[in-house]
Amino acid sequence: MYSFVSAVDTRFIDFYTIISNAPSPFSDFLSLYSEMRIRDLVITVIPIKLPSSSSGSYSSLNVTVSPEITASSNPTNSTVLDTPSAFSFDYNAVNPKTFRYTFPGVGTGSQIWISTGATPVGSLFIGNMVTSSFDEGDIVWEMHFNMNVEFRRLKTN
């Protein structure tokens, strides 16, 4: 569960966490194949608890992805808000919204074959600028991450 503190909080999820928490059959592929590479990440966001009209001011949820950085702590909001690839999910939205981050170039966290036992590089950053302390806990976002990972080289006994 991820939460936001008024005005400054940002959250992150590294690619390794997404991969290591993936259910079967993905986890079966990790033990079956020797190598993998990450092709893209699809994010679906659903606002499931909307603010009441009597509450304070709200802002959108902002998300960006870096296939080159593995976060170990919350970055500053500028990491999310000032990034050209940042995508904004409006808190007034009624329908789910989906965005795809593709990684067309070769880098340390994308398009390069790594061992299925290695820790992949890359993180997803989530930011939100809430304008009043009275707003805390009034917006709930449901997020789904679908990572496109390719596998090759079957392990042999």
Protein backbone atom coordinates (compact mmCIF):
# COMPACT_ATOMS: atom_id res chain seq x y z
CA MET A 1 0.00 0.00 0.00
CA TYR A 2 1.28 3.44 -0.91
CA SER A 3 0.14 6.68 0.67
CA PHE A 4 0.80 10.37 0.25
CA VAL A 5 1.60 13.07 2.78
CA SER A 6 0.44 16.62 2.10
CA ALA A 7 2.40 18.63 -0.46
CA VAL A 8 5.65 16.67 -0.83
CA ASP A 9 5.38 12.89 -0.76
CA THR A 10 6.44 10.69 -3.68
CA ARG A 11 6.54 6.91 -3.86
CA PHE A 12 8.49 4.41 -5.96
CA ILE A 13 8.40 0.77 -6.98
CA ASP A 14 11.52 -0.80 -8.44
CA PHE A 15 11.29 -3.31 -11.31
CA TYR A 16 12.69 -6.07 -9.09
CA THR A 17 9.75 -5.69 -6.67
CA ILE A 18 7.26 -5.95 -9.53
CA ILE A 19 8.99 -9.05 -10.93
CA SER A 20 9.58 -10.77 -7.59
CA ASN A 21 5.92 -10.35 -6.58
CA ALA A 22 4.50 -11.58 -9.88
CA PRO A 23 2.23 -14.62 -9.58
CA SER A 24 2.52 -17.88 -11.48
CA PRO A 25 3.01 -18.54 -14.40
CA PHE A 26 5.51 -15.66 -14.49
CA SER A 27 7.40 -17.03 -11.49
CA ASP A 28 7.57 -20.40 -13.27
CA PHE A 29 9.30 -18.75 -16.25
CA LEU A 30 11.98 -17.37 -13.94
CA SER A 31 12.91 -20.92 -12.92
CA LEU A 32 12.50 -22.36 -16.42
CA TYR A 33 14.57 -19.88 -18.46
CA SER A 34 18.11 -18.55 -18.04
CA GLU A 35 17.68 -15.02 -19.39
CA MET A 36 15.07 -12.27 -19.56
CA ARG A 37 14.68 -8.69 -20.73
CA ILE A 38 12.09 -6.01 -20.01
CA ARG A 39 10.36 -4.55 -23.08
CA ASP A 40 7.72 -2.21 -21.63
CA LEU A 41 5.51 -1.41 -18.65
CA VAL A 42 1.77 -0.75 -18.86
CA ILE A 43 0.16 1.15 -16.00
CA THR A 44 -3.60 1.29 -15.41
CA VAL A 45 -4.89 3.71 -12.82
CA ILE A 46 -8.39 3.78 -11.37
CA PRO A 47 -9.51 6.46 -8.90
CA ILE A 48 -11.70 4.42 -6.57
CA LYS A 49 -12.55 6.99 -3.91
CA LEU A 50 -13.24 10.48 -5.18
CA PRO A 51 -13.07 13.61 -3.04
CA SER A 52 -16.29 15.22 -1.85
CA SER A 53 -17.12 18.68 -3.09
CA SER A 54 -16.73 20.10 0.43
CA SER A 55 -13.14 18.90 0.76
CA GLY A 56 -10.07 20.96 -0.06
CA SER A 57 -8.07 21.19 -3.27
CA TYR A 58 -6.67 18.12 -5.02
CA SER A 59 -4.22 17.42 -7.79
CA SER A 60 -3.63 14.57 -10.17
CA LEU A 61 -1.52 11.48 -9.61
CA ASN A 62 1.72 11.71 -11.59
CA VAL A 63 3.72 8.68 -12.71
CA THR A 64 6.99 8.23 -14.58
CA VAL A 65 9.33 5.32 -15.26
CA SER A 66 13.10 5.11 -15.48
CA PRO A 67 14.63 1.88 -16.82
CA GLU A 68 18.06 3.15 -15.72
CA ILE A 69 17.50 4.02 -12.03
CA THR A 70 16.78 1.66 -9.16
CA ALA A 71 15.33 3.69 -6.32
CA SER A 72 16.03 2.82 -2.72
CA SER A 73 14.10 5.70 -1.18
CA ASN A 74 11.53 8.29 -2.15
CA PRO A 75 12.90 10.76 -4.69
CA THR A 76 11.91 14.41 -4.73
CA ASN A 77 8.66 15.35 -6.44
CA SER A 78 10.68 17.06 -9.18
CA THR A 79 11.88 13.60 -10.27
CA VAL A 80 8.30 12.86 -11.23
CA LEU A 81 6.79 16.24 -12.05
CA ASP A 82 9.71 17.63 -14.09
CA THR A 83 10.32 14.47 -16.12
CA PRO A 84 9.26 14.73 -19.79
CA SER A 85 7.88 11.17 -19.66
CA ALA A 86 5.63 11.89 -16.65
CA PHE A 87 2.02 10.88 -17.14
CA SER A 88 -0.81 12.46 -15.18
CA PHE A 89 -3.97 10.68 -14.00
CA ASP A 90 -6.77 13.11 -13.20
CA TYR A 91 -8.49 12.67 -9.83
CA ASN A 92 -11.84 13.58 -11.47
CA ALA A 93 -11.58 10.64 -13.85
CA VAL A 94 -14.40 8.12 -13.74
CA ASN A 95 -12.98 5.50 -16.09
CA PRO A 96 -9.67 3.66 -15.74
CA LYS A 97 -6.80 5.18 -17.70
CA THR A 98 -3.90 3.22 -19.15
CA PHE A 99 -0.46 4.37 -20.25
CA ARG A 100 2.39 2.35 -21.79
CA TYR A 101 6.06 3.10 -21.23
CA THR A 102 8.12 1.48 -23.95
CA PHE A 103 11.87 1.11 -23.76
CA PRO A 104 13.05 1.18 -27.38
CA GLY A 105 16.75 1.70 -26.71
CA VAL A 106 19.27 -0.61 -25.14
CA GLY A 107 20.15 0.35 -21.57
CA THR A 108 21.07 -1.13 -18.26
CA GLY A 109 17.41 -1.65 -17.36
CA SER A 110 15.80 -2.40 -20.70
CA GLN A 111 16.30 -4.33 -23.91
CA ILE A 112 19.38 -6.08 -22.55
CA TRP A 113 19.34 -9.79 -21.72
CA ILE A 114 20.10 -10.48 -18.05
CA SER A 115 20.12 -13.64 -15.97
CA THR A 116 16.73 -14.54 -14.51
CA GLY A 117 18.52 -14.73 -11.17
CA ALA A 118 19.82 -11.15 -11.44
CA THR A 119 18.18 -8.05 -10.02
CA PRO A 120 16.84 -5.91 -12.89
CA VAL A 121 17.49 -2.16 -12.92
CA GLY A 122 14.65 0.36 -13.17
CA SER A 123 11.92 2.01 -11.13
CA LEU A 124 8.47 3.46 -11.40
CA PHE A 125 7.96 6.76 -9.57
CA ILE A 126 4.59 7.95 -8.25
CA GLY A 127 4.00 11.55 -7.19
CA ASN A 128 1.10 13.65 -6.00
CA MET A 129 0.95 17.27 -4.92
CA VAL A 130 -1.82 17.51 -2.33
CA THR A 131 -2.45 21.14 -1.43
CA SER A 132 -3.97 20.89 2.06
CA SER A 133 -3.45 18.66 5.09
CA PHE A 134 -7.24 18.22 5.25
CA ASP A 135 -7.08 16.23 2.01
CA GLU A 136 -5.05 13.32 3.38
CA GLY A 137 -6.71 9.97 2.83
CA ASP A 138 -9.54 11.36 0.71
CA ILE A 139 -8.31 10.01 -2.64
CA VAL A 140 -7.63 6.33 -3.23
CA TRP A 141 -5.97 5.14 -6.44
CA GLU A 142 -5.90 1.54 -7.63
CA MET A 143 -2.90 0.85 -9.86
CA HIS A 144 -2.13 -2.19 -12.00
CA PHE A 145 1.32 -2.82 -13.47
CA ASN A 146 1.76 -5.12 -16.45
CA MET A 147 5.37 -5.64 -17.40
CA ASN A 148 6.21 -7.17 -20.78
CA VAL A 149 9.19 -9.45 -20.18
CA GLU A 150 10.75 -11.77 -22.77
CA PHE A 151 12.54 -14.98 -21.85
CA ARG A 152 15.12 -17.11 -23.68
CA ARG A 153 17.51 -20.02 -23.17
CA LEU A 154 15.84 -22.86 -21.37
CA LYS A 155 17.73 -24.10 -18.36
CA THR A 156 19.03 -27.64 -18.73
CA ASN A 157 19.45 -30.30 -16.08
